[in-house]
Amino acid sequence: MDKEQLKIKLEKFKQACIEKGSIDAKEIQPFEFEEAYPGLIPSPFIVDIHVKEQWLESKQNVNPLHELIDLLYENADVDALEEILTVRLSPANALHWMTM
C-alpha cells in the first residue's frame, strides 16, 4: 500500500478526529506519512498527526495518544492498521512529539 492509498483508508479516522475536535477541519493535510524503512518494499509507515494545541492541552488527565489510537482502531480497517508502524502526535505549531 502506498501513501495515497493509506490516506484514503484513513479518511473515516480523519472525520472521527474532526468530530472529536482533535484536528482542524480546515487543515489540508492533518496527517503526514513517512516510510519507516525507506527503500524496503513494502515499508510500513510512521503517521504524524497534527493535532490542535488546545485539544492537546485539554488532555491533562488522559493520554491523548491512547485516545487517538483507540479512535484509529475504531475507524480504520485491518489493512490500514497493518501498514502503520508508529503514530506520532504533534501540536500543529509545536516541535515536540508524542510517539507510540
PDB file of N, CA and C in Angstrom:
ATOM      1  N   MET A   1       0.850  -1.171   0.000  1.00  0.00           N
ATOM      2  CA  MET A   1       0.000   0.000   0.000  1.00  0.00           C
ATOM      3  C   MET A   1       0.900   1.239   0.000  1.00  0.00           C
ATOM      4  N   ASP A   2       0.562   2.223  -0.825  1.00  0.00           N
ATOM      5  CA  ASP A   2       1.370   3.438  -0.856  1.00  0.00           C
ATOM      6  C   ASP A   2       0.705   4.525   0.007  1.00  0.00           C
ATOM      7  N   LYS A   3       1.350   5.677   0.081  1.00  0.00           N
ATOM      8  CA  LYS A   3       0.876   6.773   0.946  1.00  0.00           C
ATOM      9  C   LYS A   3      -0.523   7.230   0.565  1.00  0.00           C
ATOM     10  N   GLU A   4      -0.781   7.353  -0.722  1.00  0.00           N
ATOM     11  CA  GLU A   4      -2.088   7.829  -1.168  1.00  0.00           C
ATOM     12  C   GLU A   4      -3.197   6.837  -0.819  1.00  0.00           C
ATOM     13  N   GLN A   5      -2.915   5.554  -0.968  1.00  0.00           N
ATOM     14  CA  GLN A   5      -3.900   4.544  -0.603  1.00  0.00           C
ATOM     15  C   GLN A   5      -4.172   4.569   0.900  1.00  0.00           C
ATOM     16  N   LEU A   6      -3.122   4.720   1.698  1.00  0.00           N
ATOM     17  CA  LEU A   6      -3.291   4.785   3.147  1.00  0.00           C
ATOM     18  C   LEU A   6      -4.076   6.025   3.534  1.00  0.00           C
ATOM     19  N   LYS A   7      -3.797   7.131   2.891  1.00  0.00           N
ATOM     20  CA  LYS A   7      -4.528   8.376   3.153  1.00  0.00           C
ATOM     21  C   LYS A   7      -6.028   8.169   2.918  1.00  0.00           C
ATOM     22  N   ILE A   8      -6.382   7.502   1.849  1.00  0.00           N
ATOM     23  CA  ILE A   8      -7.784   7.215   1.545  1.00  0.00           C
ATOM     24  C   ILE A   8      -8.387   6.301   2.608  1.00  0.00           C
ATOM     25  N   LYS A   9      -7.634   5.276   2.998  1.00  0.00           N
ATOM     26  CA  LYS A   9      -8.122   4.327   4.011  1.00  0.00           C
ATOM     27  C   LYS A   9      -8.330   4.987   5.372  1.00  0.00           C
ATOM     28  N   LEU A  10      -7.628   6.100   5.634  1.00  0.00           N
ATOM     29  CA  LEU A  10      -7.739   6.775   6.928  1.00  0.00           C
ATOM     30  C   LEU A  10      -8.743   7.928   6.916  1.00  0.00           C
ATOM     31  N   GLU A  11      -9.505   8.055   5.850  1.00  0.00           N
ATOM     32  CA  GLU A  11     -10.466   9.154   5.757  1.00  0.00           C
ATOM     33  C   GLU A  11     -11.524   9.085   6.863  1.00  0.00           C
ATOM     34  N   LYS A  12     -12.024   7.893   7.156  1.00  0.00           N
ATOM     35  CA  LYS A  12     -13.016   7.749   8.230  1.00  0.00           C
ATOM     36  C   LYS A  12     -12.396   8.149   9.574  1.00  0.00           C
ATOM     37  N   PHE A  13     -11.160   7.779   9.811  1.00  0.00           N
ATOM     38  CA  PHE A  13     -10.447   8.168  11.028  1.00  0.00           C
ATOM     39  C   PHE A  13     -10.286   9.683  11.080  1.00  0.00           C
ATOM     40  N   LYS A  14      -9.945  10.287   9.962  1.00  0.00           N
ATOM     41  CA  LYS A  14      -9.803  11.748   9.895  1.00  0.00           C
ATOM     42  C   LYS A  14     -11.106  12.429  10.291  1.00  0.00           C
ATOM     43  N   GLN A  15     -12.210  11.949   9.751  1.00  0.00           N
ATOM     44  CA  GLN A  15     -13.509  12.539  10.076  1.00  0.00           C
ATOM     45  C   GLN A  15     -13.840  12.367  11.558  1.00  0.00           C
ATOM     46  N   ALA A  16     -13.493  11.217  12.131  1.00  0.00           N
ATOM     47  CA  ALA A  16     -13.724  10.978  13.561  1.00  0.00           C
ATOM     48  C   ALA A  16     -12.885  11.938  14.401  1.00  0.00           C
ATOM     49  N   CYS A  17     -11.662  12.211  13.969  1.00  0.00           N
ATOM     50  CA  CYS A  17     -10.789  13.165  14.679  1.00  0.00           C
ATOM     51  C   CYS A  17     -11.362  14.576  14.619  1.00  0.00           C
ATOM     52  N   ILE A  18     -11.902  14.939  13.472  1.00  0.00           N
ATOM     53  CA  ILE A  18     -12.523  16.259  13.325  1.00  0.00           C
ATOM     54  C   ILE A  18     -13.724  16.372  14.266  1.00  0.00           C
ATOM     55  N   GLU A  19     -14.564  15.336  14.291  1.00  0.00           N
ATOM     56  CA  GLU A  19     -15.731  15.331  15.170  1.00  0.00           C
ATOM     57  C   GLU A  19     -15.332  15.408  16.641  1.00  0.00           C
ATOM     58  N   LYS A  20     -14.244  14.762  17.012  1.00  0.00           N
ATOM     59  CA  LYS A  20     -13.768  14.764  18.392  1.00  0.00           C
ATOM     60  C   LYS A  20     -13.104  16.093  18.745  1.00  0.00           C
ATOM     61  N   GLY A  21     -12.726  16.856  17.718  1.00  0.00           N
ATOM     62  CA  GLY A  21     -12.098  18.155  17.952  1.00  0.00           C
ATOM     63  C   GLY A  21     -10.594  18.102  18.072  1.00  0.00           C
ATOM     64  N   SER A  22     -10.006  16.971  17.729  1.00  0.00           N
ATOM     65  CA  SER A  22      -8.548  16.834  17.873  1.00  0.00           C
ATOM     66  C   SER A  22      -7.775  17.429  16.701  1.00  0.00           C
ATOM     67  N   ILE A  23      -8.378  17.436  15.518  1.00  0.00           N
ATOM     68  CA  ILE A  23      -7.721  18.063  14.373  1.00  0.00           C
ATOM     69  C   ILE A  23      -8.662  19.101  13.772  1.00  0.00           C
ATOM     70  N   ASP A  24      -8.082  20.025  13.068  1.00  0.00           N
ATOM     71  CA  ASP A  24      -8.839  21.115  12.469  1.00  0.00           C
ATOM     72  C   ASP A  24      -9.379  20.682  11.114  1.00  0.00           C
ATOM     73  N   ALA A  25     -10.675  20.877  10.905  1.00  0.00           N
ATOM     74  CA  ALA A  25     -11.285  20.517   9.625  1.00  0.00           C
ATOM     75  C   ALA A  25     -10.689  21.314   8.476  1.00  0.00           C
ATOM     76  N   LYS A  26     -10.134  22.488   8.773  1.00  0.00           N
ATOM     77  CA  LYS A  26      -9.544  23.335   7.731  1.00  0.00           C
ATOM     78  C   LYS A  26      -8.130  22.908   7.377  1.00  0.00           C
ATOM     79  N   GLU A  27      -7.532  22.050   8.201  1.00  0.00           N
ATOM     80  CA  GLU A  27      -6.169  21.562   7.955  1.00  0.00           C
ATOM     81  C   GLU A  27      -6.183  20.733   6.679  1.00  0.00           C
ATOM     82  N   ILE A  28      -5.424  21.169   5.700  1.00  0.00           N
ATOM     83  CA  ILE A  28      -5.409  20.473   4.410  1.00  0.00           C
ATOM     84  C   ILE A  28      -4.808  19.084   4.553  1.00  0.00           C
ATOM     85  N   GLN A  29      -3.711  18.980   5.280  1.00  0.00           N
ATOM     86  CA  GLN A  29      -3.055  17.693   5.464  1.00  0.00           C
ATOM     87  C   GLN A  29      -2.773  17.466   6.942  1.00  0.00           C
ATOM     88  N   PRO A  30      -3.771  16.957   7.691  1.00  0.00           N
ATOM     89  CA  PRO A  30      -3.546  16.744   9.116  1.00  0.00           C
ATOM     90  C   PRO A  30      -2.637  15.552   9.405  1.00  0.00           C
ATOM     91  N   PHE A  31      -2.427  14.700   8.394  1.00  0.00           N
ATOM     92  CA  PHE A  31      -1.545  13.544   8.550  1.00  0.00           C
ATOM     93  C   PHE A  31      -0.361  13.677   7.608  1.00  0.00           C
ATOM     94  N   GLU A  32       0.800  13.258   8.096  1.00  0.00           N
ATOM     95  CA  GLU A  32       1.974  13.112   7.228  1.00  0.00           C
ATOM     96  C   GLU A  32       2.416  11.668   7.320  1.00  0.00           C
ATOM     97  N   PHE A  33       2.870  11.139   6.208  1.00  0.00           N
ATOM     98  CA  PHE A  33       3.275   9.741   6.136  1.00  0.00           C
ATOM     99  C   PHE A  33       4.756   9.658   5.783  1.00  0.00           C
ATOM    100  N   GLU A  34       5.465   8.881   6.565  1.00  0.00           N
ATOM    101  CA  GLU A  34       6.898   8.684   6.336  1.00  0.00           C
ATOM    102  C   GLU A  34       7.155   7.181   6.318  1.00  0.00           C
ATOM    103  N   GLU A  35       7.894   6.726   5.334  1.00  0.00           N
ATOM    104  CA  GLU A  35       8.223   5.304   5.291  1.00  0.00           C
ATOM    105  C   GLU A  35       9.105   4.965   6.486  1.00  0.00           C
ATOM    106  N   ALA A  36       8.749   3.909   7.192  1.00  0.00           N
ATOM    107  CA  ALA A  36       9.535   3.506   8.362  1.00  0.00           C
ATOM    108  C   ALA A  36      10.903   2.973   7.942  1.00  0.00           C
ATOM    109  N   TYR A  37      10.938   2.281   6.816  1.00  0.00           N
ATOM    110  CA  TYR A  37      12.179   1.703   6.301  1.00  0.00           C
ATOM    111  C   TYR A  37      12.328   2.088   4.835  1.00  0.00           C
ATOM    112  N   PRO A  38      12.799   3.307   4.564  1.00  0.00           N
ATOM    113  CA  PRO A  38      12.921   3.753   3.175  1.00  0.00           C
ATOM    114  C   PRO A  38      13.718   2.764   2.324  1.00  0.00           C
ATOM    115  N   GLY A  39      13.214   2.502   1.158  1.00  0.00           N
ATOM    116  CA  GLY A  39      13.886   1.585   0.242  1.00  0.00           C
ATOM    117  C   GLY A  39      13.380   0.162   0.358  1.00  0.00           C
ATOM    118  N   LEU A  40      12.758  -0.196   1.471  1.00  0.00           N
ATOM    119  CA  LEU A  40      12.193  -1.527   1.649  1.00  0.00           C
ATOM    120  C   LEU A  40      10.776  -1.519   1.096  1.00  0.00           C
ATOM    121  N   ILE A  41      10.476  -2.467   0.236  1.00  0.00           N
ATOM    122  CA  ILE A  41       9.144  -2.524  -0.350  1.00  0.00           C
ATOM    123  C   ILE A  41       8.519  -3.863   0.011  1.00  0.00           C
ATOM    124  N   PRO A  42       7.377  -3.891   0.648  1.00  0.00           N
ATOM    125  CA  PRO A  42       6.647  -2.730   1.155  1.00  0.00           C
ATOM    126  C   PRO A  42       7.233  -2.276   2.500  1.00  0.00           C
ATOM    127  N   SER A  43       7.044  -1.028   2.815  1.00  0.00           N
ATOM    128  CA  SER A  43       7.504  -0.468   4.081  1.00  0.00           C
ATOM    129  C   SER A  43       6.303   0.044   4.861  1.00  0.00           C
ATOM    130  N   PRO A  44       6.229  -0.291   6.154  1.00  0.00           N
ATOM    131  CA  PRO A  44       5.150   0.306   6.947  1.00  0.00           C
ATOM    132  C   PRO A  44       5.405   1.802   7.107  1.00  0.00           C
ATOM    133  N   PHE A  45       4.414   2.514   7.608  1.00  0.00           N
ATOM    134  CA  PHE A  45       4.515   3.962   7.699  1.00  0.00           C
ATOM    135  C   PHE A  45       4.521   4.470   9.137  1.00  0.00           C
ATOM    136  N   ILE A  46       5.181   5.589   9.309  1.00  0.00           N
ATOM    137  CA  ILE A  46       5.074   6.393  10.514  1.00  0.00           C
ATOM    138  C   ILE A  46       4.058   7.467  10.155  1.00  0.00           C
ATOM    139  N   VAL A  47       3.007   7.594  10.965  1.00  0.00           N
ATOM    140  CA  VAL A  47       1.952   8.570  10.693  1.00  0.00           C
ATOM    141  C   VAL A  47       2.049   9.681  11.727  1.00  0.00           C
ATOM    142  N   ASP A  48       2.289  10.888  11.255  1.00  0.00           N
ATOM    143  CA  ASP A  48       2.312  12.075  12.105  1.00  0.00           C
ATOM    144  C   ASP A  48       0.932  12.717  12.032  1.00  0.00           C
ATOM    145  N   ILE A  49       0.321  12.931  13.195  1.00  0.00           N
ATOM    146  CA  ILE A  49      -0.995  13.568  13.256  1.00  0.00           C
ATOM    147  C   ILE A  49      -0.809  14.946  13.870  1.00  0.00           C
ATOM    148  N   HIS A  50      -1.179  15.968  13.115  1.00  0.00           N
ATOM    149  CA  HIS A  50      -1.052  17.348  13.587  1.00  0.00           C
ATOM    150  C   HIS A  50      -2.352  17.732  14.301  1.00  0.00           C
ATOM    151  N   VAL A  51      -2.290  17.738  15.618  1.00  0.00           N
ATOM    152  CA  VAL A  51      -3.489  17.989  16.421  1.00  0.00           C
ATOM    153  C   VAL A  51      -3.557  19.440  16.867  1.00  0.00           C
ATOM    154  N   LYS A  52      -4.773  19.858  17.216  1.00  0.00           N
ATOM    155  CA  LYS A  52      -4.963  21.207  17.738  1.00  0.00           C
ATOM    156  C   LYS A  52      -4.262  21.312  19.097  1.00  0.00           C
ATOM    157  N   GLU A  53      -3.512  22.370  19.274  1.00  0.00           N
ATOM    158  CA  GLU A  53      -2.798  22.555  20.532  1.00  0.00           C
ATOM    159  C   GLU A  53      -3.770  22.661  21.707  1.00  0.00           C
ATOM    160  N   GLN A  54      -4.900  23.337  21.513  1.00  0.00           N
ATOM    161  CA  GLN A  54      -5.888  23.478  22.583  1.00  0.00           C
ATOM    162  C   GLN A  54      -6.441  22.113  22.990  1.00  0.00           C
ATOM    163  N   TRP A  55      -6.686  21.257  22.022  1.00  0.00           N
ATOM    164  CA  TRP A  55      -7.182  19.919  22.320  1.00  0.00           C
ATOM    165  C   TRP A  55      -6.140  19.149  23.115  1.00  0.00           C
ATOM    166  N   LEU A  56      -4.897  19.225  22.692  1.00  0.00           N
ATOM    167  CA  LEU A  56      -3.816  18.515  23.366  1.00  0.00           C
ATOM    168  C   LEU A  56      -3.667  18.988  24.808  1.00  0.00           C
ATOM    169  N   GLU A  57      -3.737  20.295  25.016  1.00  0.00           N
ATOM    170  CA  GLU A  57      -3.611  20.850  26.361  1.00  0.00           C
ATOM    171  C   GLU A  57      -4.794  20.473  27.247  1.00  0.00           C
ATOM    172  N   SER A  58      -5.943  20.225  26.659  1.00  0.00           N
ATOM    173  CA  SER A  58      -7.126  19.853  27.448  1.00  0.00           C
ATOM    174  C   SER A  58      -7.060  18.419  27.959  1.00  0.00           C
ATOM    175  N   LYS A  59      -6.084  17.668  27.538  1.00  0.00           N
ATOM    176  CA  LYS A  59      -5.967  16.248  27.891  1.00  0.00           C
ATOM    177  C   LYS A  59      -4.977  16.018  29.029  1.00  0.00           C
ATOM    178  N   GLN A  60      -5.027  16.832  30.053  1.00  0.00           N
ATOM    179  CA  GLN A  60      -4.059  16.741  31.154  1.00  0.00           C
ATOM    180  C   GLN A  60      -4.164  15.441  31.936  1.00  0.00           C
ATOM    181  N   ASN A  61      -5.362  14.909  32.102  1.00  0.00           N
ATOM    182  CA  ASN A  61      -5.543  13.696  32.897  1.00  0.00           C
ATOM    183  C   ASN A  61      -5.692  12.436  32.047  1.00  0.00           C
ATOM    184  N   VAL A  62      -5.585  12.592  30.747  1.00  0.00           N
ATOM    185  CA  VAL A  62      -5.757  11.477  29.818  1.00  0.00           C
ATOM    186  C   VAL A  62      -4.597  11.498  28.839  1.00  0.00           C
ATOM    187  N   ASN A  63      -4.129  10.334  28.444  1.00  0.00           N
ATOM    188  CA  ASN A  63      -3.084  10.272  27.438  1.00  0.00           C
ATOM    189  C   ASN A  63      -3.724  10.493  26.063  1.00  0.00           C
ATOM    190  N   PRO A  64      -3.455  11.633  25.429  1.00  0.00           N
ATOM    191  CA  PRO A  64      -4.099  11.929  24.139  1.00  0.00           C
ATOM    192  C   PRO A  64      -3.727  10.933  23.048  1.00  0.00           C
ATOM    193  N   LEU A  65      -2.528  10.400  23.122  1.00  0.00           N
ATOM    194  CA  LEU A  65      -2.110   9.423  22.121  1.00  0.00           C
ATOM    195  C   LEU A  65      -2.965   8.163  22.227  1.00  0.00           C
ATOM    196  N   HIS A  66      -3.191   7.688  23.435  1.00  0.00           N
ATOM    197  CA  HIS A  66      -4.030   6.498  23.611  1.00  0.00           C
ATOM    198  C   HIS A  66      -5.446   6.753  23.122  1.00  0.00           C
ATOM    199  N   GLU A  67      -5.944   7.948  23.360  1.00  0.00           N
ATOM    200  CA  GLU A  67      -7.292   8.300  22.916  1.00  0.00           C
ATOM    201  C   GLU A  67      -7.397   8.221  21.388  1.00  0.00           C
ATOM    202  N   LEU A  68      -6.393   8.739  20.684  1.00  0.00           N
ATOM    203  CA  LEU A  68      -6.439   8.698  19.213  1.00  0.00           C
ATOM    204  C   LEU A  68      -6.144   7.309  18.667  1.00  0.00           C
ATOM    205  N   ILE A  69      -5.324   6.541  19.378  1.00  0.00           N
ATOM    206  CA  ILE A  69      -5.084   5.152  18.952  1.00  0.00           C
ATOM    207  C   ILE A  69      -6.396   4.369  19.020  1.00  0.00           C
ATOM    208  N   ASP A  70      -7.143   4.547  20.115  1.00  0.00           N
ATOM    209  CA  ASP A  70      -8.449   3.881  20.226  1.00  0.00           C
ATOM    210  C   ASP A  70      -9.366   4.303  19.083  1.00  0.00           C
ATOM    211  N   LEU A  71      -9.374   5.585  18.776  1.00  0.00           N
ATOM    212  CA  LEU A  71     -10.187   6.108  17.685  1.00  0.00           C
ATOM    213  C   LEU A  71      -9.746   5.530  16.336  1.00  0.00           C
ATOM    214  N   LEU A  72      -8.451   5.377  16.167  1.00  0.00           N
ATOM    215  CA  LEU A  72      -7.903   4.783  14.949  1.00  0.00           C
ATOM    216  C   LEU A  72      -8.400   3.350  14.782  1.00  0.00           C
ATOM    217  N   TYR A  73      -8.324   2.566  15.861  1.00  0.00           N
ATOM    218  CA  TYR A  73      -8.767   1.172  15.781  1.00  0.00           C
ATOM    219  C   TYR A  73     -10.268   1.055  15.508  1.00  0.00           C
ATOM    220  N   GLU A  74     -11.032   2.029  15.983  1.00  0.00           N
ATOM    221  CA  GLU A  74     -12.473   2.013  15.747  1.00  0.00           C
ATOM    222  C   GLU A  74     -12.841   2.445  14.328  1.00  0.00           C
ATOM    223  N   ASN A  75     -11.953   3.184  13.657  1.00  0.00           N
ATOM    224  CA  ASN A  75     -12.318   3.814  12.389  1.00  0.00           C
ATOM    225  C   ASN A  75     -11.411   3.472  11.219  1.00  0.00           C
ATOM    226  N   ALA A  76     -10.579   2.490  11.352  1.00  0.00           N
ATOM    227  CA  ALA A  76      -9.714   2.072  10.237  1.00  0.00           C
ATOM    228  C   ALA A  76      -9.810   0.557  10.082  1.00  0.00           C
ATOM    229  N   ASP A  77      -9.700   0.095   8.862  1.00  0.00           N
ATOM    230  CA  ASP A  77      -9.762  -1.345   8.659  1.00  0.00           C
ATOM    231  C   ASP A  77      -8.405  -1.994   8.913  1.00  0.00           C
ATOM    232  N   VAL A  78      -8.418  -3.296   8.971  1.00  0.00           N
ATOM    233  CA  VAL A  78      -7.219  -4.055   9.304  1.00  0.00           C
ATOM    234  C   VAL A  78      -6.095  -3.797   8.310  1.00  0.00           C
ATOM    235  N   ASP A  79      -6.429  -3.666   7.034  1.00  0.00           N
ATOM    236  CA  ASP A  79      -5.404  -3.410   6.018  1.00  0.00           C
ATOM    237  C   ASP A  79      -4.639  -2.127   6.322  1.00  0.00           C
ATOM    238  N   ALA A  80      -5.359  -1.083   6.703  1.00  0.00           N
ATOM    239  CA  ALA A  80      -4.704   0.190   7.028  1.00  0.00           C
ATOM    240  C   ALA A  80      -3.864   0.054   8.294  1.00  0.00           C
ATOM    241  N   LEU A  81      -4.415  -0.592   9.308  1.00  0.00           N
ATOM    242  CA  LEU A  81      -3.686  -0.748  10.572  1.00  0.00           C
ATOM    243  C   LEU A  81      -2.385  -1.522  10.386  1.00  0.00           C
ATOM    244  N   GLU A  82      -2.395  -2.499   9.507  1.00  0.00           N
ATOM    245  CA  GLU A  82      -1.191  -3.295   9.253  1.00  0.00           C
ATOM    246  C   GLU A  82      -0.085  -2.476   8.592  1.00  0.00           C
ATOM    247  N   GLU A  83      -0.443  -1.366   7.969  1.00  0.00           N
ATOM    248  CA  GLU A  83       0.538  -0.522   7.288  1.00  0.00           C
ATOM    249  C   GLU A  83       1.145   0.547   8.202  1.00  0.00           C
ATOM    250  N   ILE A  84       0.641   0.659   9.429  1.00  0.00           N
ATOM    251  CA  ILE A  84       1.111   1.705  10.346  1.00  0.00           C
ATOM    252  C   ILE A  84       2.012   1.095  11.404  1.00  0.00           C
ATOM    253  N   LEU A  85       3.254   1.549  11.435  1.00  0.00           N
ATOM    254  CA  LEU A  85       4.202   1.079  12.439  1.00  0.00           C
ATOM    255  C   LEU A  85       4.165   1.960  13.683  1.00  0.00           C
ATOM    256  N   THR A  86       4.071   3.265  13.480  1.00  0.00           N
ATOM    257  CA  THR A  86       4.132   4.229  14.577  1.00  0.00           C
ATOM    258  C   THR A  86       3.173   5.381  14.304  1.00  0.00           C
ATOM    259  N   VAL A  87       2.584   5.889  15.383  1.00  0.00           N
ATOM    260  CA  VAL A  87       1.758   7.090  15.308  1.00  0.00           C
ATOM    261  C   VAL A  87       2.403   8.130  16.207  1.00  0.00           C
ATOM    262  N   ARG A  88       2.560   9.341  15.656  1.00  0.00           N
ATOM    263  CA  ARG A  88       3.113  10.445  16.445  1.00  0.00           C
ATOM    264  C   ARG A  88       2.114  11.592  16.437  1.00  0.00           C
ATOM    265  N   LEU A  89       1.982  12.231  17.603  1.00  0.00           N
ATOM    266  CA  LEU A  89       1.139  13.422  17.707  1.00  0.00           C
ATOM    267  C   LEU A  89       2.027  14.636  17.808  1.00  0.00           C
ATOM    268  N   SER A  90       1.618  15.668  17.119  1.00  0.00           N
ATOM    269  CA  SER A  90       2.348  16.921  17.172  1.00  0.00           C
ATOM    270  C   SER A  90       1.349  18.055  17.175  1.00  0.00           C
ATOM    271  N   PRO A  91       1.464  18.984  18.138  1.00  0.00           N
ATOM    272  CA  PRO A  91       0.631  20.176  18.023  1.00  0.00           C
ATOM    273  C   PRO A  91       0.964  20.855  16.695  1.00  0.00           C
ATOM    274  N   ALA A  92      -0.026  21.382  16.050  1.00  0.00           N
ATOM    275  CA  ALA A  92       0.149  21.950  14.716  1.00  0.00           C
ATOM    276  C   ALA A  92       1.260  22.993  14.652  1.00  0.00           C
ATOM    277  N   ASN A  93       1.554  23.673  15.756  1.00  0.00           N
ATOM    278  CA  ASN A  93       2.581  24.720  15.720  1.00  0.00           C
ATOM    279  C   ASN A  93       3.671  24.514  16.769  1.00  0.00           C
ATOM    280  N   ALA A  94       3.951  23.265  17.113  1.00  0.00           N
ATOM    281  CA  ALA A  94       4.982  23.000  18.125  1.00  0.00           C
ATOM    282  C   ALA A  94       6.005  21.997  17.607  1.00  0.00           C
ATOM    283  N   LEU A  95       7.075  21.838  18.368  1.00  0.00           N
ATOM    284  CA  LEU A  95       8.173  20.989  17.918  1.00  0.00           C
ATOM    285  C   LEU A  95       8.259  19.647  18.633  1.00  0.00           C
ATOM    286  N   HIS A  96       7.565  19.456  19.750  1.00  0.00           N
ATOM    287  CA  HIS A  96       7.695  18.181  20.459  1.00  0.00           C
ATOM    288  C   HIS A  96       6.697  17.153  19.941  1.00  0.00           C
ATOM    289  N   TRP A  97       7.022  15.896  20.156  1.00  0.00           N
ATOM    290  CA  TRP A  97       6.234  14.786  19.631  1.00  0.00           C
ATOM    291  C   TRP A  97       5.832  13.848  20.765  1.00  0.00           C
ATOM    292  N   MET A  98       4.717  13.179  20.588  1.00  0.00           N
ATOM    293  CA  MET A  98       4.330  12.046  21.424  1.00  0.00           C
ATOM    294  C   MET A  98       4.306  10.857  20.490  1.00  0.00           C
ATOM    295  N   THR A  99       4.988   9.791  20.865  1.00  0.00           N
ATOM    296  CA  THR A  99       5.129   8.660  19.971  1.00  0.00           C
ATOM    297  C   THR A  99       4.655   7.378  20.643  1.00  0.00           C
ATOM    298  N   MET A 100       4.057   6.496  19.842  1.00  0.00           N
ATOM    299  CA  MET A 100       3.685   5.171  20.328  1.00  0.00           C
ATOM    300  C   MET A 100       3.897   4.187  19.205  1.00  0.00           C
TER     301      MET A 100
END
